[in-house]
Amino acid sequence: MSIDIDAARTRLLERKNEIKRLSEISEDSRATVNLDQQSVGRLSRMDALQMQAMAQASERSRSAELQRIDAALARIETGDYGYCLDCGEEIAEKRLEIDPSASHCVHCAGAREN
C-alpha cells in the first residue's frame, strides 16, 4: 500500500481540531432558546427555534464525523487503516485523499447505500 500513513494521521488530527473549534464556536447557537420579551429585536420564537434546530443538526453531523475520525485513527494504530471494513480490500488511495476517514471501498460503500 502506498498510502502515507503519517500524512493521513496529520490530516485526521487537523480536521478533528477544526471540528472541535467549530463546535465551541457554535455552542451558544445550540443552547436552549430563551426569548426575553423586553429585548430589542424582531426575532420570532419560531425563527429562534429553527436556528437552534439547525445548529443542533450541525453538531450531530460534526459528532458523527469525529467518530469516523477517531475510528480511522484507531485503524492507523492497529495497522488496519486503508482496508475496507466489509471486504478487506484496499481502499483506493484517491478515496483516502478525499476522505481520510473513509472506512469502506467504493464498491462496499455503494452497496451500503442501497
C-alpha atoms as a PDB file:
ATOM      1  CA  MET A   1       0.000   0.000   0.000  1.00  0.00           C
ATOM      2  CA  SER A   2       1.365   3.398  -0.964  1.00  0.00           C
ATOM      3  CA  ILE A   3      -0.699   5.465   1.467  1.00  0.00           C
ATOM      4  CA  ASP A   4       1.314   7.945   3.512  1.00  0.00           C
ATOM      5  CA  ILE A   5       0.085   6.993   6.982  1.00  0.00           C
ATOM      6  CA  ASP A   6       1.776   9.951   8.686  1.00  0.00           C
ATOM      7  CA  ALA A   7       0.141  12.400   6.284  1.00  0.00           C
ATOM      8  CA  ALA A   8      -3.240  10.731   6.822  1.00  0.00           C
ATOM      9  CA  ARG A   9      -2.820  10.916  10.612  1.00  0.00           C
ATOM     10  CA  THR A  10      -1.887  14.596  10.365  1.00  0.00           C
ATOM     11  CA  ARG A  11      -4.901  15.400   8.172  1.00  0.00           C
ATOM     12  CA  LEU A  12      -7.227  13.495  10.508  1.00  0.00           C
ATOM     13  CA  LEU A  13      -5.900  15.272  13.598  1.00  0.00           C
ATOM     14  CA  GLU A  14      -6.128  18.676  11.896  1.00  0.00           C
ATOM     15  CA  ARG A  15      -9.729  18.022  10.884  1.00  0.00           C
ATOM     16  CA  LYS A  16     -10.534  16.800  14.396  1.00  0.00           C
ATOM     17  CA  ASN A  17      -9.177  20.039  15.883  1.00  0.00           C
ATOM     18  CA  GLU A  18     -11.109  22.096  13.330  1.00  0.00           C
ATOM     19  CA  ILE A  19     -14.356  20.301  14.204  1.00  0.00           C
ATOM     20  CA  LYS A  20     -13.775  20.881  17.915  1.00  0.00           C
ATOM     21  CA  ARG A  21     -13.218  24.611  17.274  1.00  0.00           C
ATOM     22  CA  LEU A  22     -16.416  24.822  15.220  1.00  0.00           C
ATOM     23  CA  SER A  23     -18.295  23.056  17.980  1.00  0.00           C
ATOM     24  CA  GLU A  24     -17.031  25.539  20.572  1.00  0.00           C
ATOM     25  CA  ILE A  25     -17.931  28.496  18.373  1.00  0.00           C
ATOM     26  CA  SER A  26     -21.480  27.288  17.827  1.00  0.00           C
ATOM     27  CA  GLU A  27     -22.166  26.300  21.439  1.00  0.00           C
ATOM     28  CA  ASP A  28     -24.353  29.346  22.121  1.00  0.00           C
ATOM     29  CA  SER A  29     -26.428  28.653  18.993  1.00  0.00           C
ATOM     30  CA  ARG A  30     -27.380  25.226  20.315  1.00  0.00           C
ATOM     31  CA  ALA A  31     -28.381  26.446  23.769  1.00  0.00           C
ATOM     32  CA  THR A  32     -31.962  26.491  24.950  1.00  0.00           C
ATOM     33  CA  VAL A  33     -33.906  29.277  23.300  1.00  0.00           C
ATOM     34  CA  ASN A  34     -34.652  31.984  25.826  1.00  0.00           C
ATOM     35  CA  LEU A  35     -36.679  34.811  24.425  1.00  0.00           C
ATOM     36  CA  ASP A  36     -36.756  37.939  26.502  1.00  0.00           C
ATOM     37  CA  GLN A  37     -39.885  39.843  25.588  1.00  0.00           C
ATOM     38  CA  GLN A  38     -38.217  43.074  26.735  1.00  0.00           C
ATOM     39  CA  SER A  39     -35.182  42.816  24.492  1.00  0.00           C
ATOM     40  CA  VAL A  40     -34.807  44.825  21.319  1.00  0.00           C
ATOM     41  CA  GLY A  41     -35.089  42.835  18.118  1.00  0.00           C
ATOM     42  CA  ARG A  42     -37.647  41.147  15.936  1.00  0.00           C
ATOM     43  CA  LEU A  43     -36.522  37.559  16.032  1.00  0.00           C
ATOM     44  CA  SER A  44     -39.609  35.439  16.430  1.00  0.00           C
ATOM     45  CA  ARG A  45     -39.720  32.360  18.604  1.00  0.00           C
ATOM     46  CA  MET A  46     -40.074  30.131  15.526  1.00  0.00           C
ATOM     47  CA  ASP A  47     -37.001  31.684  13.923  1.00  0.00           C
ATOM     48  CA  ALA A  48     -35.009  31.164  17.106  1.00  0.00           C
ATOM     49  CA  LEU A  49     -36.163  27.561  17.411  1.00  0.00           C
ATOM     50  CA  GLN A  50     -35.361  26.900  13.759  1.00  0.00           C
ATOM     51  CA  MET A  51     -31.865  28.352  14.147  1.00  0.00           C
ATOM     52  CA  GLN A  52     -31.350  26.267  17.274  1.00  0.00           C
ATOM     53  CA  ALA A  53     -32.503  23.100  15.447  1.00  0.00           C
ATOM     54  CA  MET A  54     -30.120  23.786  12.557  1.00  0.00           C
ATOM     55  CA  ALA A  55     -27.228  24.350  14.958  1.00  0.00           C
ATOM     56  CA  GLN A  56     -28.060  21.116  16.773  1.00  0.00           C
ATOM     57  CA  ALA A  57     -28.218  19.205  13.478  1.00  0.00           C
ATOM     58  CA  SER A  58     -24.821  20.601  12.510  1.00  0.00           C
ATOM     59  CA  GLU A  59     -23.446  19.499  15.865  1.00  0.00           C
ATOM     60  CA  ARG A  60     -24.779  15.966  15.343  1.00  0.00           C
ATOM     61  CA  SER A  61     -23.064  15.903  11.955  1.00  0.00           C
ATOM     62  CA  ARG A  62     -19.791  17.109  13.495  1.00  0.00           C
ATOM     63  CA  SER A  63     -20.108  14.483  16.225  1.00  0.00           C
ATOM     64  CA  ALA A  64     -20.563  11.727  13.648  1.00  0.00           C
ATOM     65  CA  GLU A  65     -17.524  12.975  11.739  1.00  0.00           C
ATOM     66  CA  LEU A  66     -15.476  12.976  14.961  1.00  0.00           C
ATOM     67  CA  GLN A  67     -16.467   9.349  15.498  1.00  0.00           C
ATOM     68  CA  ARG A  68     -15.331   8.458  11.955  1.00  0.00           C
ATOM     69  CA  ILE A  69     -12.039  10.290  12.524  1.00  0.00           C
ATOM     70  CA  ASP A  70     -11.430   8.539  15.857  1.00  0.00           C
ATOM     71  CA  ALA A  71     -12.188   5.190  14.208  1.00  0.00           C
ATOM     72  CA  ALA A  72      -9.725   5.976  11.392  1.00  0.00           C
ATOM     73  CA  LEU A  73      -7.042   6.957  13.913  1.00  0.00           C
ATOM     74  CA  ALA A  74      -7.650   3.683  15.749  1.00  0.00           C
ATOM     75  CA  ARG A  75      -7.275   1.767  12.459  1.00  0.00           C
ATOM     76  CA  ILE A  76      -3.962   3.542  11.889  1.00  0.00           C
ATOM     77  CA  GLU A  77      -2.742   2.364  15.287  1.00  0.00           C
ATOM     78  CA  THR A  78      -3.790  -1.248  14.645  1.00  0.00           C
ATOM     79  CA  GLY A  79      -2.421  -1.306  11.099  1.00  0.00           C
ATOM     80  CA  ASP A  80      -5.855  -1.743   9.523  1.00  0.00           C
ATOM     81  CA  TYR A  81      -6.014   1.739   8.000  1.00  0.00           C
ATOM     82  CA  GLY A  82      -6.706   1.805   4.282  1.00  0.00           C
ATOM     83  CA  TYR A  83      -8.535  -1.524   4.169  1.00  0.00           C
ATOM     84  CA  CYS A  84     -12.296  -1.866   3.692  1.00  0.00           C
ATOM     85  CA  LEU A  85     -14.140  -2.923   6.829  1.00  0.00           C
ATOM     86  CA  ASP A  86     -16.516  -5.117   4.799  1.00  0.00           C
ATOM     87  CA  CYS A  87     -14.440  -6.882   2.152  1.00  0.00           C
ATOM     88  CA  GLY A  88     -10.906  -6.298   3.441  1.00  0.00           C
ATOM     89  CA  GLU A  89      -9.646  -4.961   0.113  1.00  0.00           C
ATOM     90  CA  GLU A  90      -7.508  -1.846  -0.075  1.00  0.00           C
ATOM     91  CA  ILE A  91      -9.388   1.438  -0.230  1.00  0.00           C
ATOM     92  CA  ALA A  92      -8.302   3.465  -3.253  1.00  0.00           C
ATOM     93  CA  GLU A  93      -5.614   5.996  -2.426  1.00  0.00           C
ATOM     94  CA  LYS A  94      -7.579   8.784  -4.151  1.00  0.00           C
ATOM     95  CA  ARG A  95     -10.609   7.982  -1.975  1.00  0.00           C
ATOM     96  CA  LEU A  96      -8.482   8.296   1.158  1.00  0.00           C
ATOM     97  CA  GLU A  97      -7.002  11.549  -0.127  1.00  0.00           C
ATOM     98  CA  ILE A  98     -10.510  12.970  -0.435  1.00  0.00           C
ATOM     99  CA  ASP A  99     -11.740  11.498   2.848  1.00  0.00           C
ATOM    100  CA  PRO A 100      -9.001  10.128   5.108  1.00  0.00           C
ATOM    101  CA  SER A 101     -11.668   8.752   7.455  1.00  0.00           C
ATOM    102  CA  ALA A 102     -13.157   6.505   4.742  1.00  0.00           C
ATOM    103  CA  SER A 103     -13.713   3.012   6.089  1.00  0.00           C
ATOM    104  CA  HIS A 104     -15.108   1.270   3.015  1.00  0.00           C
ATOM    105  CA  CYS A 105     -14.009   0.827  -0.585  1.00  0.00           C
ATOM    106  CA  VAL A 106     -16.178   2.436  -3.263  1.00  0.00           C
ATOM    107  CA  HIS A 107     -17.911  -0.840  -4.090  1.00  0.00           C
ATOM    108  CA  CYS A 108     -18.888  -1.663  -0.473  1.00  0.00           C
ATOM    109  CA  ALA A 109     -19.808   1.952   0.288  1.00  0.00           C
ATOM    110  CA  GLY A 110     -22.165   1.918  -2.703  1.00  0.00           C
ATOM    111  CA  ALA A 111     -23.694  -1.364  -1.575  1.00  0.00           C
ATOM    112  CA  ARG A 112     -24.305   0.067   1.912  1.00  0.00           C
ATOM    113  CA  GLU A 113     -26.283   2.971   0.444  1.00  0.00           C
ATOM    114  CA  ASN A 114     -28.717   0.683  -1.367  1.00  0.00           C
END
